[in-house]
PDB file of N, CA and C in Angstrom:
ATOM      1  N   UNK A   1       0.770  -1.212  -0.063  1.00  0.00           N
ATOM      2  CA  UNK A   1      -0.012   0.064   0.056  1.00  0.00           C
ATOM      3  C   UNK A   1       0.839   1.264  -0.001  1.00  0.00           C
ATOM      4  N   UNK A   2       0.528   2.085  -1.019  1.00  0.00           N
ATOM      5  CA  UNK A   2       1.511   3.399  -1.079  1.00  0.00           C
ATOM      6  C   UNK A   2       1.146   4.478   0.167  1.00  0.00           C
ATOM      7  N   UNK A   3       2.011   5.237   0.556  1.00  0.00           N
ATOM      8  CA  UNK A   3       1.688   6.217   1.531  1.00  0.00           C
ATOM      9  C   UNK A   3       1.036   7.246   1.021  1.00  0.00           C
ATOM     10  N   UNK A   4       1.022   7.193  -0.363  1.00  0.00           N
ATOM     11  CA  UNK A   4       0.025   8.447  -0.956  1.00  0.00           C
ATOM     12  C   UNK A   4      -1.133   7.701  -1.551  1.00  0.00           C
ATOM     13  N   UNK A   5      -1.734   6.767  -1.129  1.00  0.00           N
ATOM     14  CA  UNK A   5      -3.107   6.034  -1.445  1.00  0.00           C
ATOM     15  C   UNK A   5      -4.092   7.171  -1.448  1.00  0.00           C
ATOM     16  N   UNK A   6      -4.082   8.157  -0.325  1.00  0.00           N
ATOM     17  CA  UNK A   6      -5.162   9.119  -0.380  1.00  0.00           C
ATOM     18  C   UNK A   6      -5.456   9.937  -1.818  1.00  0.00           C
ATOM     19  N   UNK A   7      -4.340   9.832  -2.367  1.00  0.00           N
ATOM     20  CA  UNK A   7      -4.512  10.521  -3.714  1.00  0.00           C
ATOM     21  C   UNK A   7      -5.468  10.004  -4.831  1.00  0.00           C
ATOM     22  N   UNK A   8      -5.711   8.776  -4.633  1.00  0.00           N
ATOM     23  CA  UNK A   8      -6.409   7.962  -5.461  1.00  0.00           C
ATOM     24  C   UNK A   8      -7.972   8.041  -5.141  1.00  0.00           C
ATOM     25  N   UNK A   9      -8.299   8.594  -3.964  1.00  0.00           N
ATOM     26  CA  UNK A   9      -9.711   8.749  -3.445  1.00  0.00           C
ATOM     27  C   UNK A   9     -10.435   9.879  -4.195  1.00  0.00           C
ATOM     28  N   UNK A  10     -11.627   9.525  -4.574  1.00  0.00           N
ATOM     29  CA  UNK A  10     -12.524  10.559  -5.400  1.00  0.00           C
ATOM     30  C   UNK A  10     -12.522  11.648  -4.313  1.00  0.00           C
ATOM     31  N   UNK A  11     -12.992  11.579  -3.104  1.00  0.00           N
ATOM     32  CA  UNK A  11     -13.090  12.597  -2.116  1.00  0.00           C
ATOM     33  C   UNK A  11     -11.968  13.482  -2.070  1.00  0.00           C
ATOM     34  N   UNK A  12     -10.848  13.015  -2.111  1.00  0.00           N
ATOM     35  CA  UNK A  12      -9.645  13.812  -2.053  1.00  0.00           C
ATOM     36  C   UNK A  12      -9.415  14.658  -3.329  1.00  0.00           C
ATOM     37  N   UNK A  13      -9.671  14.042  -4.577  1.00  0.00           N
ATOM     38  CA  UNK A  13      -9.745  14.573  -5.788  1.00  0.00           C
ATOM     39  C   UNK A  13     -10.540  15.848  -6.014  1.00  0.00           C
ATOM     40  N   UNK A  14     -11.975  15.478  -5.401  1.00  0.00           N
ATOM     41  CA  UNK A  14     -13.118  16.545  -5.486  1.00  0.00           C
ATOM     42  C   UNK A  14     -12.625  17.592  -4.693  1.00  0.00           C
ATOM     43  N   UNK A  15     -12.052  17.433  -3.530  1.00  0.00           N
ATOM     44  CA  UNK A  15     -11.715  18.450  -2.537  1.00  0.00           C
ATOM     45  C   UNK A  15     -10.691  19.284  -3.103  1.00  0.00           C
ATOM     46  N   UNK A  16      -9.659  18.665  -3.877  1.00  0.00           N
ATOM     47  CA  UNK A  16      -8.780  19.586  -4.618  1.00  0.00           C
ATOM     48  C   UNK A  16      -9.372  20.401  -5.478  1.00  0.00           C
ATOM     49  N   UNK A  17     -10.346  19.878  -6.184  1.00  0.00           N
ATOM     50  CA  UNK A  17     -11.125  20.631  -7.071  1.00  0.00           C
ATOM     51  C   UNK A  17     -11.825  21.989  -6.342  1.00  0.00           C
ATOM     52  N   UNK A  18     -12.237  21.512  -5.155  1.00  0.00           N
ATOM     53  CA  UNK A  18     -12.902  22.716  -4.422  1.00  0.00           C
ATOM     54  C   UNK A  18     -11.906  23.846  -4.021  1.00  0.00           C
ATOM     55  N   UNK A  19     -10.566  23.407  -3.677  1.00  0.00           N
ATOM     56  CA  UNK A  19      -9.605  24.250  -3.421  1.00  0.00           C
ATOM     57  C   UNK A  19      -9.375  25.127  -4.737  1.00  0.00           C
ATOM     58  N   UNK A  20      -9.207  24.497  -5.894  1.00  0.00           N
ATOM     59  CA  UNK A  20      -8.845  25.550  -6.915  1.00  0.00           C
ATOM     60  C   UNK A  20     -10.041  26.340  -7.220  1.00  0.00           C
ATOM     61  N   UNK A  21     -11.283  26.007  -7.078  1.00  0.00           N
ATOM     62  CA  UNK A  21     -12.431  26.869  -7.299  1.00  0.00           C
ATOM     63  C   UNK A  21     -12.561  27.936  -6.416  1.00  0.00           C
ATOM     64  N   UNK A  22     -12.071  27.777  -5.144  1.00  0.00           N
ATOM     65  CA  UNK A  22     -11.980  28.668  -4.079  1.00  0.00           C
ATOM     66  C   UNK A  22     -11.162  29.818  -4.335  1.00  0.00           C
ATOM     67  N   UNK A  23      -9.882  29.231  -4.834  1.00  0.00           N
ATOM     68  CA  UNK A  23      -8.723  30.171  -5.139  1.00  0.00           C
ATOM     69  C   UNK A  23      -9.224  31.078  -6.301  1.00  0.00           C
ATOM     70  N   UNK A  24      -9.834  30.530  -7.362  1.00  0.00           N
ATOM     71  CA  UNK A  24     -10.116  31.187  -8.433  1.00  0.00           C
ATOM     72  C   UNK A  24     -11.266  32.318  -7.995  1.00  0.00           C
ATOM     73  N   UNK A  25     -12.081  31.909  -7.198  1.00  0.00           N
ATOM     74  CA  UNK A  25     -13.236  32.944  -6.866  1.00  0.00           C
ATOM     75  C   UNK A  25     -12.547  33.992  -6.016  1.00  0.00           C
ATOM     76  N   UNK A  26     -11.740  33.712  -5.301  1.00  0.00           N
ATOM     77  CA  UNK A  26     -11.017  34.652  -4.208  1.00  0.00           C
ATOM     78  C   UNK A  26     -10.252  35.706  -5.042  1.00  0.00           C
ATOM     79  N   UNK A  27      -9.938  35.396  -6.050  1.00  0.00           N
ATOM     80  CA  UNK A  27      -8.956  36.417  -6.891  1.00  0.00           C
ATOM     81  C   UNK A  27      -9.780  37.652  -7.257  1.00  0.00           C
ATOM     82  N   UNK A  28     -11.201  37.551  -7.228  1.00  0.00           N
ATOM     83  CA  UNK A  28     -12.036  38.757  -7.411  1.00  0.00           C
ATOM     84  C   UNK A  28     -12.590  39.356  -6.227  1.00  0.00           C
ATOM     85  N   UNK A  29     -12.413  38.965  -5.143  1.00  0.00           N
ATOM     86  CA  UNK A  29     -12.777  39.616  -3.855  1.00  0.00           C
ATOM     87  C   UNK A  29     -11.925  40.876  -3.684  1.00  0.00           C
ATOM     88  N   UNK A  30     -12.503  41.950  -2.991  1.00  0.00           N
ATOM     89  CA  UNK A  30     -11.884  43.053  -2.683  1.00  0.00           C
ATOM     90  C   UNK A  30     -10.739  42.834  -1.684  1.00  0.00           C
ATOM     91  N   UNK A  31      -9.557  43.789  -2.020  1.00  0.00           N
ATOM     92  CA  UNK A  31      -8.436  43.550  -1.249  1.00  0.00           C
ATOM     93  C   UNK A  31      -8.609  43.663   0.108  1.00  0.00           C
ATOM     94  N   UNK A  32      -9.583  44.407   0.726  1.00  0.00           N
ATOM     95  CA  UNK A  32      -9.866  44.492   2.093  1.00  0.00           C
ATOM     96  C   UNK A  32     -10.393  43.238   2.853  1.00  0.00           C
ATOM     97  N   UNK A  33     -10.549  42.163   1.878  1.00  0.00           N
ATOM     98  CA  UNK A  33     -11.042  40.851   2.443  1.00  0.00           C
ATOM     99  C   UNK A  33      -9.533  39.980   2.469  1.00  0.00           C
ATOM    100  N   UNK A  34      -8.598  40.343   2.050  1.00  0.00           N
ATOM    101  CA  UNK A  34      -7.574  39.480   1.848  1.00  0.00           C
ATOM    102  C   UNK A  34      -6.977  38.901   3.049  1.00  0.00           C
ATOM    103  N   UNK A  35      -7.215  39.467   4.273  1.00  0.00           N
ATOM    104  CA  UNK A  35      -6.683  38.991   5.621  1.00  0.00           C
ATOM    105  C   UNK A  35      -7.755  38.608   6.314  1.00  0.00           C
ATOM    106  N   UNK A  36      -9.081  38.664   5.852  1.00  0.00           N
ATOM    107  CA  UNK A  36     -10.186  38.110   6.685  1.00  0.00           C
ATOM    108  C   UNK A  36     -10.866  36.989   6.028  1.00  0.00           C
ATOM    109  N   UNK A  37     -11.929  37.264   5.210  1.00  0.00           N
ATOM    110  CA  UNK A  37     -12.717  36.253   4.609  1.00  0.00           C
ATOM    111  C   UNK A  37     -11.787  35.437   3.664  1.00  0.00           C
ATOM    112  N   UNK A  38     -11.028  36.172   2.845  1.00  0.00           N
ATOM    113  CA  UNK A  38     -10.125  35.376   1.859  1.00  0.00           C
ATOM    114  C   UNK A  38      -9.398  34.251   2.727  1.00  0.00           C
ATOM    115  N   UNK A  39      -8.547  34.754   3.662  1.00  0.00           N
ATOM    116  CA  UNK A  39      -7.895  33.943   4.468  1.00  0.00           C
ATOM    117  C   UNK A  39      -8.481  32.596   4.977  1.00  0.00           C
ATOM    118  N   UNK A  40      -9.603  33.078   5.511  1.00  0.00           N
ATOM    119  CA  UNK A  40     -10.380  31.943   6.077  1.00  0.00           C
ATOM    120  C   UNK A  40     -10.865  30.919   5.108  1.00  0.00           C
ATOM    121  N   UNK A  41     -11.191  31.304   4.042  1.00  0.00           N
ATOM    122  CA  UNK A  41     -11.617  30.317   2.916  1.00  0.00           C
ATOM    123  C   UNK A  41     -10.525  29.568   2.414  1.00  0.00           C
ATOM    124  N   UNK A  42      -9.210  30.131   2.198  1.00  0.00           N
ATOM    125  CA  UNK A  42      -8.064  29.497   1.949  1.00  0.00           C
ATOM    126  C   UNK A  42      -7.801  28.384   2.832  1.00  0.00           C
ATOM    127  N   UNK A  43      -7.762  28.845   4.243  1.00  0.00           N
ATOM    128  CA  UNK A  43      -7.326  27.922   5.113  1.00  0.00           C
ATOM    129  C   UNK A  43      -8.402  26.731   5.216  1.00  0.00           C
ATOM    130  N   UNK A  44      -9.507  26.900   5.237  1.00  0.00           N
ATOM    131  CA  UNK A  44     -10.541  26.042   5.401  1.00  0.00           C
ATOM    132  C   UNK A  44     -10.586  25.161   4.251  1.00  0.00           C
ATOM    133  N   UNK A  45     -10.332  25.534   3.023  1.00  0.00           N
ATOM    134  CA  UNK A  45     -10.501  24.630   1.786  1.00  0.00           C
ATOM    135  C   UNK A  45      -9.342  23.662   1.764  1.00  0.00           C
ATOM    136  N   UNK A  46      -8.067  24.294   2.179  1.00  0.00           N
ATOM    137  CA  UNK A  46      -6.907  23.352   2.176  1.00  0.00           C
ATOM    138  C   UNK A  46      -7.090  22.468   3.230  1.00  0.00           C
ATOM    139  N   UNK A  47      -7.676  22.831   4.339  1.00  0.00           N
ATOM    140  CA  UNK A  47      -7.991  21.917   5.549  1.00  0.00           C
ATOM    141  C   UNK A  47      -8.650  20.838   5.258  1.00  0.00           C
ATOM    142  N   UNK A  48      -9.473  20.661   4.240  1.00  0.00           N
ATOM    143  CA  UNK A  48     -10.461  19.592   3.963  1.00  0.00           C
ATOM    144  C   UNK A  48      -9.343  18.417   3.299  1.00  0.00           C
ATOM    145  N   UNK A  49      -8.680  19.029   2.350  1.00  0.00           N
ATOM    146  CA  UNK A  49      -7.727  17.980   1.563  1.00  0.00           C
ATOM    147  C   UNK A  49      -6.573  17.460   2.649  1.00  0.00           C
ATOM    148  N   UNK A  50      -6.199  18.374   3.423  1.00  0.00           N
ATOM    149  CA  UNK A  50      -5.185  18.106   4.537  1.00  0.00           C
ATOM    150  C   UNK A  50      -5.482  17.007   5.357  1.00  0.00           C
ATOM    151  N   UNK A  51      -6.710  17.162   5.881  1.00  0.00           N
ATOM    152  CA  UNK A  51      -7.157  16.312   6.975  1.00  0.00           C
ATOM    153  C   UNK A  51      -7.768  14.876   6.323  1.00  0.00           C
ATOM    154  N   UNK A  52      -8.018  14.975   5.011  1.00  0.00           N
ATOM    155  CA  UNK A  52      -8.264  13.846   4.445  1.00  0.00           C
ATOM    156  C   UNK A  52      -7.110  12.851   4.327  1.00  0.00           C
ATOM    157  N   UNK A  53      -6.018  13.626   3.836  1.00  0.00           N
ATOM    158  CA  UNK A  53      -4.741  12.930   3.780  1.00  0.00           C
ATOM    159  C   UNK A  53      -4.155  12.221   5.019  1.00  0.00           C
ATOM    160  N   UNK A  54      -4.379  13.155   6.000  1.00  0.00           N
ATOM    161  CA  UNK A  54      -3.791  12.909   7.345  1.00  0.00           C
ATOM    162  C   UNK A  54      -4.565  11.689   7.765  1.00  0.00           C
ATOM    163  N   UNK A  55      -5.977  11.674   7.937  1.00  0.00           N
ATOM    164  CA  UNK A  55      -6.716  10.777   8.402  1.00  0.00           C
ATOM    165  C   UNK A  55      -6.572   9.442   7.731  1.00  0.00           C
ATOM    166  N   UNK A  56      -6.590   9.250   6.430  1.00  0.00           N
ATOM    167  CA  UNK A  56      -6.482   8.092   5.709  1.00  0.00           C
ATOM    168  C   UNK A  56      -5.323   7.336   5.894  1.00  0.00           C
ATOM    169  N   UNK A  57      -4.144   8.083   6.302  1.00  0.00           N
ATOM    170  CA  UNK A  57      -2.829   7.494   6.538  1.00  0.00           C
ATOM    171  C   UNK A  57      -2.629   7.093   7.970  1.00  0.00           C
ATOM    172  N   UNK A  58      -3.625   7.420   8.861  1.00  0.00           N
ATOM    173  CA  UNK A  58      -3.609   7.010  10.219  1.00  0.00           C
ATOM    174  C   UNK A  58      -3.751   5.437  10.289  1.00  0.00           C
ATOM    175  N   UNK A  59      -3.277   4.999  11.397  1.00  0.00           N
ATOM    176  CA  UNK A  59      -3.603   3.512  11.550  1.00  0.00           C
ATOM    177  C   UNK A  59      -4.456   2.973  12.474  1.00  0.00           C
ATOM    178  N   UNK A  60      -5.204   3.855  13.227  1.00  0.00           N
ATOM    179  CA  UNK A  60      -6.105   3.686  14.190  1.00  0.00           C
ATOM    180  C   UNK A  60      -7.486   4.273  13.427  1.00  0.00           C
ATOM    181  N   UNK A  61      -8.535   3.508  13.536  1.00  0.00           N
ATOM    182  CA  UNK A  61      -9.731   3.815  13.068  1.00  0.00           C
ATOM    183  C   UNK A  61     -10.475   5.223  13.705  1.00  0.00           C
ATOM    184  N   UNK A  62     -10.335   5.030  14.936  1.00  0.00           N
ATOM    185  CA  UNK A  62     -10.741   6.180  15.738  1.00  0.00           C
ATOM    186  C   UNK A  62     -10.150   7.437  15.194  1.00  0.00           C
ATOM    187  N   UNK A  63      -8.800   7.489  14.907  1.00  0.00           N
ATOM    188  CA  UNK A  63      -8.052   8.458  14.592  1.00  0.00           C
ATOM    189  C   UNK A  63      -8.556   9.002  13.190  1.00  0.00           C
ATOM    190  N   UNK A  64      -8.679   8.024  12.343  1.00  0.00           N
ATOM    191  CA  UNK A  64      -9.193   8.112  10.908  1.00  0.00           C
ATOM    192  C   UNK A  64     -10.551   8.986  10.960  1.00  0.00           C
ATOM    193  N   UNK A  65     -11.412   8.583  11.708  1.00  0.00           N
ATOM    194  CA  UNK A  65     -12.632   9.110  11.702  1.00  0.00           C
ATOM    195  C   UNK A  65     -12.581  10.553  12.301  1.00  0.00           C
ATOM    196  N   UNK A  66     -11.903  10.743  13.181  1.00  0.00           N
ATOM    197  CA  UNK A  66     -11.500  11.933  13.806  1.00  0.00           C
ATOM    198  C   UNK A  66     -11.115  13.124  12.679  1.00  0.00           C
ATOM    199  N   UNK A  67     -10.030  12.688  12.008  1.00  0.00           N
ATOM    200  CA  UNK A  67      -9.522  13.588  10.830  1.00  0.00           C
ATOM    201  C   UNK A  67     -10.611  13.757   9.677  1.00  0.00           C
ATOM    202  N   UNK A  68     -11.412  12.665   9.415  1.00  0.00           N
ATOM    203  CA  UNK A  68     -12.429  12.990   8.392  1.00  0.00           C
ATOM    204  C   UNK A  68     -13.494  13.870   9.027  1.00  0.00           C
ATOM    205  N   UNK A  69     -13.800  13.843  10.487  1.00  0.00           N
ATOM    206  CA  UNK A  69     -14.717  14.828  10.817  1.00  0.00           C
ATOM    207  C   UNK A  69     -14.292  16.210  10.865  1.00  0.00           C
ATOM    208  N   UNK A  70     -12.995  16.372  10.949  1.00  0.00           N
ATOM    209  CA  UNK A  70     -12.497  17.696  10.947  1.00  0.00           C
ATOM    210  C   UNK A  70     -12.622  18.297   9.390  1.00  0.00           C
ATOM    211  N   UNK A  71     -12.233  17.363   8.381  1.00  0.00           N
ATOM    212  CA  UNK A  71     -12.615  17.694   7.097  1.00  0.00           C
ATOM    213  C   UNK A  71     -14.157  18.174   6.739  1.00  0.00           C
ATOM    214  N   UNK A  72     -14.847  17.348   7.455  1.00  0.00           N
ATOM    215  CA  UNK A  72     -16.344  17.764   7.180  1.00  0.00           C
ATOM    216  C   UNK A  72     -16.746  19.210   7.767  1.00  0.00           C
ATOM    217  N   UNK A  73     -16.058  19.333   8.888  1.00  0.00           N
ATOM    218  CA  UNK A  73     -16.345  20.740   9.661  1.00  0.00           C
ATOM    219  C   UNK A  73     -15.869  21.671   8.891  1.00  0.00           C
ATOM    220  N   UNK A  74     -14.687  21.647   8.186  1.00  0.00           N
ATOM    221  CA  UNK A  74     -13.998  22.553   7.423  1.00  0.00           C
ATOM    222  C   UNK A  74     -14.838  22.892   6.090  1.00  0.00           C
ATOM    223  N   UNK A  75     -15.366  21.958   5.430  1.00  0.00           N
ATOM    224  CA  UNK A  75     -16.416  21.854   4.463  1.00  0.00           C
ATOM    225  C   UNK A  75     -17.462  22.900   4.831  1.00  0.00           C
ATOM    226  N   UNK A  76     -18.135  22.606   6.022  1.00  0.00           N
ATOM    227  CA  UNK A  76     -19.264  23.549   6.211  1.00  0.00           C
ATOM    228  C   UNK A  76     -18.807  24.815   6.555  1.00  0.00           C
ATOM    229  N   UNK A  77     -17.632  25.071   7.106  1.00  0.00           N
ATOM    230  CA  UNK A  77     -17.111  26.525   7.356  1.00  0.00           C
ATOM    231  C   UNK A  77     -16.967  27.116   5.920  1.00  0.00           C
ATOM    232  N   UNK A  78     -16.613  26.384   4.917  1.00  0.00           N
ATOM    233  CA  UNK A  78     -16.442  26.932   3.487  1.00  0.00           C
ATOM    234  C   UNK A  78     -17.919  27.241   2.965  1.00  0.00           C
ATOM    235  N   UNK A  79     -18.952  26.417   3.198  1.00  0.00           N
ATOM    236  CA  UNK A  79     -20.265  26.727   2.907  1.00  0.00           C
ATOM    237  C   UNK A  79     -20.730  27.971   3.441  1.00  0.00           C
ATOM    238  N   UNK A  80     -20.603  28.056   4.753  1.00  0.00           N
ATOM    239  CA  UNK A  80     -21.108  29.264   5.587  1.00  0.00           C
ATOM    240  C   UNK A  80     -20.361  30.699   4.757  1.00  0.00           C
ATOM    241  N   UNK A  81     -19.085  30.573   4.801  1.00  0.00           N
ATOM    242  CA  UNK A  81     -18.231  31.723   4.251  1.00  0.00           C
ATOM    243  C   UNK A  81     -18.710  32.083   3.053  1.00  0.00           C
ATOM    244  N   UNK A  82     -18.874  31.054   2.007  1.00  0.00           N
ATOM    245  CA  UNK A  82     -19.466  31.420   0.618  1.00  0.00           C
ATOM    246  C   UNK A  82     -20.773  32.101   0.645  1.00  0.00           C
ATOM    247  N   UNK A  83     -21.585  31.708   1.557  1.00  0.00           N
ATOM    248  CA  UNK A  83     -22.847  32.118   1.687  1.00  0.00           C
ATOM    249  C   UNK A  83     -22.803  33.756   1.997  1.00  0.00           C
ATOM    250  N   UNK A  84     -21.953  33.954   2.990  1.00  0.00           N
ATOM    251  CA  UNK A  84     -21.608  35.375   3.385  1.00  0.00           C
ATOM    252  C   UNK A  84     -21.100  36.156   2.261  1.00  0.00           C
ATOM    253  N   UNK A  85     -20.139  35.590   1.407  1.00  0.00           N
ATOM    254  CA  UNK A  85     -19.682  36.087   0.262  1.00  0.00           C
ATOM    255  C   UNK A  85     -20.753  36.543  -0.755  1.00  0.00           C
ATOM    256  N   UNK A  86     -21.546  35.663  -0.852  1.00  0.00           N
ATOM    257  CA  UNK A  86     -22.710  35.986  -1.789  1.00  0.00           C
ATOM    258  C   UNK A  86     -23.550  37.142  -1.237  1.00  0.00           C
ATOM    259  N   UNK A  87     -23.872  37.191   0.062  1.00  0.00           N
ATOM    260  CA  UNK A  87     -24.542  38.208   0.737  1.00  0.00           C
ATOM    261  C   UNK A  87     -23.904  39.639   0.539  1.00  0.00           C
ATOM    262  N   UNK A  88     -22.689  39.572   0.523  1.00  0.00           N
ATOM    263  CA  UNK A  88     -21.762  40.837   0.311  1.00  0.00           C
ATOM    264  C   UNK A  88     -21.604  41.185  -1.072  1.00  0.00           C
ATOM    265  N   UNK A  89     -22.093  40.498  -1.939  1.00  0.00           N
ATOM    266  CA  UNK A  89     -22.016  40.621  -3.358  1.00  0.00           C
ATOM    267  C   UNK A  89     -20.682  40.452  -4.089  1.00  0.00           C
ATOM    268  N   UNK A  90     -19.820  39.463  -3.323  1.00  0.00           N
ATOM    269  CA  UNK A  90     -18.415  39.020  -3.909  1.00  0.00           C
ATOM    270  C   UNK A  90     -18.540  37.969  -4.930  1.00  0.00           C
ATOM    271  N   UNK A  91     -19.581  37.242  -4.754  1.00  0.00           N
ATOM    272  CA  UNK A  91     -19.787  36.109  -5.780  1.00  0.00           C
ATOM    273  C   UNK A  91     -21.410  36.242  -5.997  1.00  0.00           C
ATOM    274  N   UNK A  92     -21.609  35.455  -7.177  1.00  0.00           N
ATOM    275  CA  UNK A  92     -22.979  35.480  -7.609  1.00  0.00           C
ATOM    276  C   UNK A  92     -23.807  34.347  -6.832  1.00  0.00           C
ATOM    277  N   UNK A  93     -25.139  34.243  -6.959  1.00  0.00           N
ATOM    278  CA  UNK A  93     -25.799  33.144  -6.382  1.00  0.00           C
ATOM    279  C   UNK A  93     -25.441  31.896  -7.320  1.00  0.00           C
ATOM    280  N   UNK A  94     -25.349  31.891  -8.478  1.00  0.00           N
ATOM    281  CA  UNK A  94     -25.062  30.813  -9.436  1.00  0.00           C
ATOM    282  C   UNK A  94     -23.757  30.224  -8.981  1.00  0.00           C
ATOM    283  N   UNK A  95     -22.778  31.099  -8.578  1.00  0.00           N
ATOM    284  CA  UNK A  95     -21.569  30.725  -8.168  1.00  0.00           C
ATOM    285  C   UNK A  95     -21.518  29.960  -7.007  1.00  0.00           C
ATOM    286  N   UNK A  96     -22.299  30.598  -5.869  1.00  0.00           N
ATOM    287  CA  UNK A  96     -22.439  29.954  -4.667  1.00  0.00           C
ATOM    288  C   UNK A  96     -23.153  28.643  -4.648  1.00  0.00           C
ATOM    289  N   UNK A  97     -24.222  28.484  -5.617  1.00  0.00           N
ATOM    290  CA  UNK A  97     -24.910  27.208  -5.736  1.00  0.00           C
ATOM    291  C   UNK A  97     -24.081  26.234  -6.518  1.00  0.00           C
ATOM    292  N   UNK A  98     -23.008  26.529  -7.540  1.00  0.00           N
ATOM    293  CA  UNK A  98     -22.159  25.601  -7.910  1.00  0.00           C
ATOM    294  C   UNK A  98     -21.157  24.992  -6.953  1.00  0.00           C
ATOM    295  N   UNK A  99     -20.827  25.846  -6.192  1.00  0.00           N
ATOM    296  CA  UNK A  99     -19.853  25.467  -4.851  1.00  0.00           C
ATOM    297  C   UNK A  99     -20.595  24.632  -3.884  1.00  0.00           C
ATOM    298  N   UNK A 100     -21.870  24.927  -3.667  1.00  0.00           N
ATOM    299  CA  UNK A 100     -22.780  24.078  -2.678  1.00  0.00           C
ATOM    300  C   UNK A 100     -22.842  22.741  -3.267  1.00  0.00           C
ATOM    301  N   UNK A 101     -22.885  22.704  -4.747  1.00  0.00           N
ATOM    302  CA  UNK A 101     -23.233  21.112  -5.175  1.00  0.00           C
ATOM    303  C   UNK A 101     -21.903  20.390  -5.070  1.00  0.00           C
ATOM    304  N   UNK A 102     -20.755  21.100  -5.284  1.00  0.00           N
ATOM    305  CA  UNK A 102     -19.476  20.340  -5.010  1.00  0.00           C
ATOM    306  C   UNK A 102     -19.330  20.002  -3.564  1.00  0.00           C
ATOM    307  N   UNK A 103     -19.721  20.998  -2.804  1.00  0.00           N
ATOM    308  CA  UNK A 103     -19.636  20.614  -1.313  1.00  0.00           C
ATOM    309  C   UNK A 103     -20.579  19.534  -0.825  1.00  0.00           C
ATOM    310  N   UNK A 104     -21.803  19.441  -1.439  1.00  0.00           N
ATOM    311  CA  UNK A 104     -22.606  18.236  -1.226  1.00  0.00           C
ATOM    312  C   UNK A 104     -22.117  16.939  -1.508  1.00  0.00           C
ATOM    313  N   UNK A 105     -21.485  16.972  -2.690  1.00  0.00           N
ATOM    314  CA  UNK A 105     -20.938  15.670  -3.192  1.00  0.00           C
ATOM    315  C   UNK A 105     -19.739  15.308  -2.292  1.00  0.00           C
ATOM    316  N   UNK A 106     -18.919  16.260  -1.904  1.00  0.00           N
ATOM    317  CA  UNK A 106     -17.847  15.914  -1.166  1.00  0.00           C
ATOM    318  C   UNK A 106     -18.191  15.462   0.283  1.00  0.00           C
ATOM    319  N   UNK A 107     -19.265  16.354   0.869  1.00  0.00           N
ATOM    320  CA  UNK A 107     -19.797  15.606   2.079  1.00  0.00           C
ATOM    321  C   UNK A 107     -20.338  14.132   2.130  1.00  0.00           C
ATOM    322  N   UNK A 108     -21.049  13.867   1.122  1.00  0.00           N
ATOM    323  CA  UNK A 108     -21.558  12.498   1.015  1.00  0.00           C
ATOM    324  C   UNK A 108     -20.315  11.495   0.816  1.00  0.00           C
ATOM    325  N   UNK A 109     -19.206  11.961   0.016  1.00  0.00           N
ATOM    326  CA  UNK A 109     -18.049  10.939   0.008  1.00  0.00           C
ATOM    327  C   UNK A 109     -17.414  10.869   1.303  1.00  0.00           C
ATOM    328  N   UNK A 110     -17.462  11.932   2.234  1.00  0.00           N
ATOM    329  CA  UNK A 110     -16.625  11.872   3.398  1.00  0.00           C
ATOM    330  C   UNK A 110     -17.476  11.099   4.324  1.00  0.00           C
ATOM    331  N   UNK A 111     -18.915  11.115   4.326  1.00  0.00           N
ATOM    332  CA  UNK A 111     -19.687  10.496   5.023  1.00  0.00           C
ATOM    333  C   UNK A 111     -19.380   8.971   4.917  1.00  0.00           C
ATOM    334  N   UNK A 112     -19.320   8.581   3.559  1.00  0.00           N
ATOM    335  CA  UNK A 112     -19.038   7.142   3.136  1.00  0.00           C
ATOM    336  C   UNK A 112     -17.760   6.739   3.746  1.00  0.00           C
ATOM    337  N   UNK A 113     -16.719   7.697   3.644  1.00  0.00           N
ATOM    338  CA  UNK A 113     -15.314   7.303   4.066  1.00  0.00           C
ATOM    339  C   UNK A 113     -15.341   6.978   5.625  1.00  0.00           C
ATOM    340  N   UNK A 114     -16.008   7.889   6.149  1.00  0.00           N
ATOM    341  CA  UNK A 114     -16.077   7.690   7.665  1.00  0.00           C
ATOM    342  C   UNK A 114     -16.678   6.459   8.043  1.00  0.00           C
ATOM    343  N   UNK A 115     -17.628   6.178   7.536  1.00  0.00           N
ATOM    344  CA  UNK A 115     -18.537   4.933   7.726  1.00  0.00           C
ATOM    345  C   UNK A 115     -17.760   3.755   7.501  1.00  0.00           C
ATOM    346  N   UNK A 116     -16.817   3.771   6.480  1.00  0.00           N
ATOM    347  CA  UNK A 116     -15.898   2.613   6.319  1.00  0.00           C
ATOM    348  C   UNK A 116     -14.944   2.380   7.427  1.00  0.00           C
ATOM    349  N   UNK A 117     -14.700   3.193   8.185  1.00  0.00           N
ATOM    350  CA  UNK A 117     -13.795   3.074   9.350  1.00  0.00           C
ATOM    351  C   UNK A 117     -14.472   2.700  10.692  1.00  0.00           C
ATOM    352  N   UNK A 118     -14.890   1.459  10.597  1.00  0.00           N
ATOM    353  CA  UNK A 118     -15.695   1.058  11.897  1.00  0.00           C
ATOM    354  C   UNK A 118     -14.978  -0.003  12.503  1.00  0.00           C
TER     355      UNK A 118
END
């Protein structure tokens, strides 16, 4: 088993897609948000992928589940922050919906991954 086996997981690949989309959208945010909302969104999006990688490579199922749960929490943080970005006019409703669709898919995949660690 490769130590990089997490890279083969669809949930990891989809989470990387979310990171890319997040960074692309953040390019259009006002400069005043660079150290506030932008920073939070960058950190949360990278946290999803990082915690998947860390969790999958743990040996203990309890630890595996814990890191997947952290990923899920970061995912919900992203959802909330993009909703705020929409309210502030930084992104369109269609862009927020597109992100939400990807978030829902990742959430389902994370749930399945977590359930596999029993």
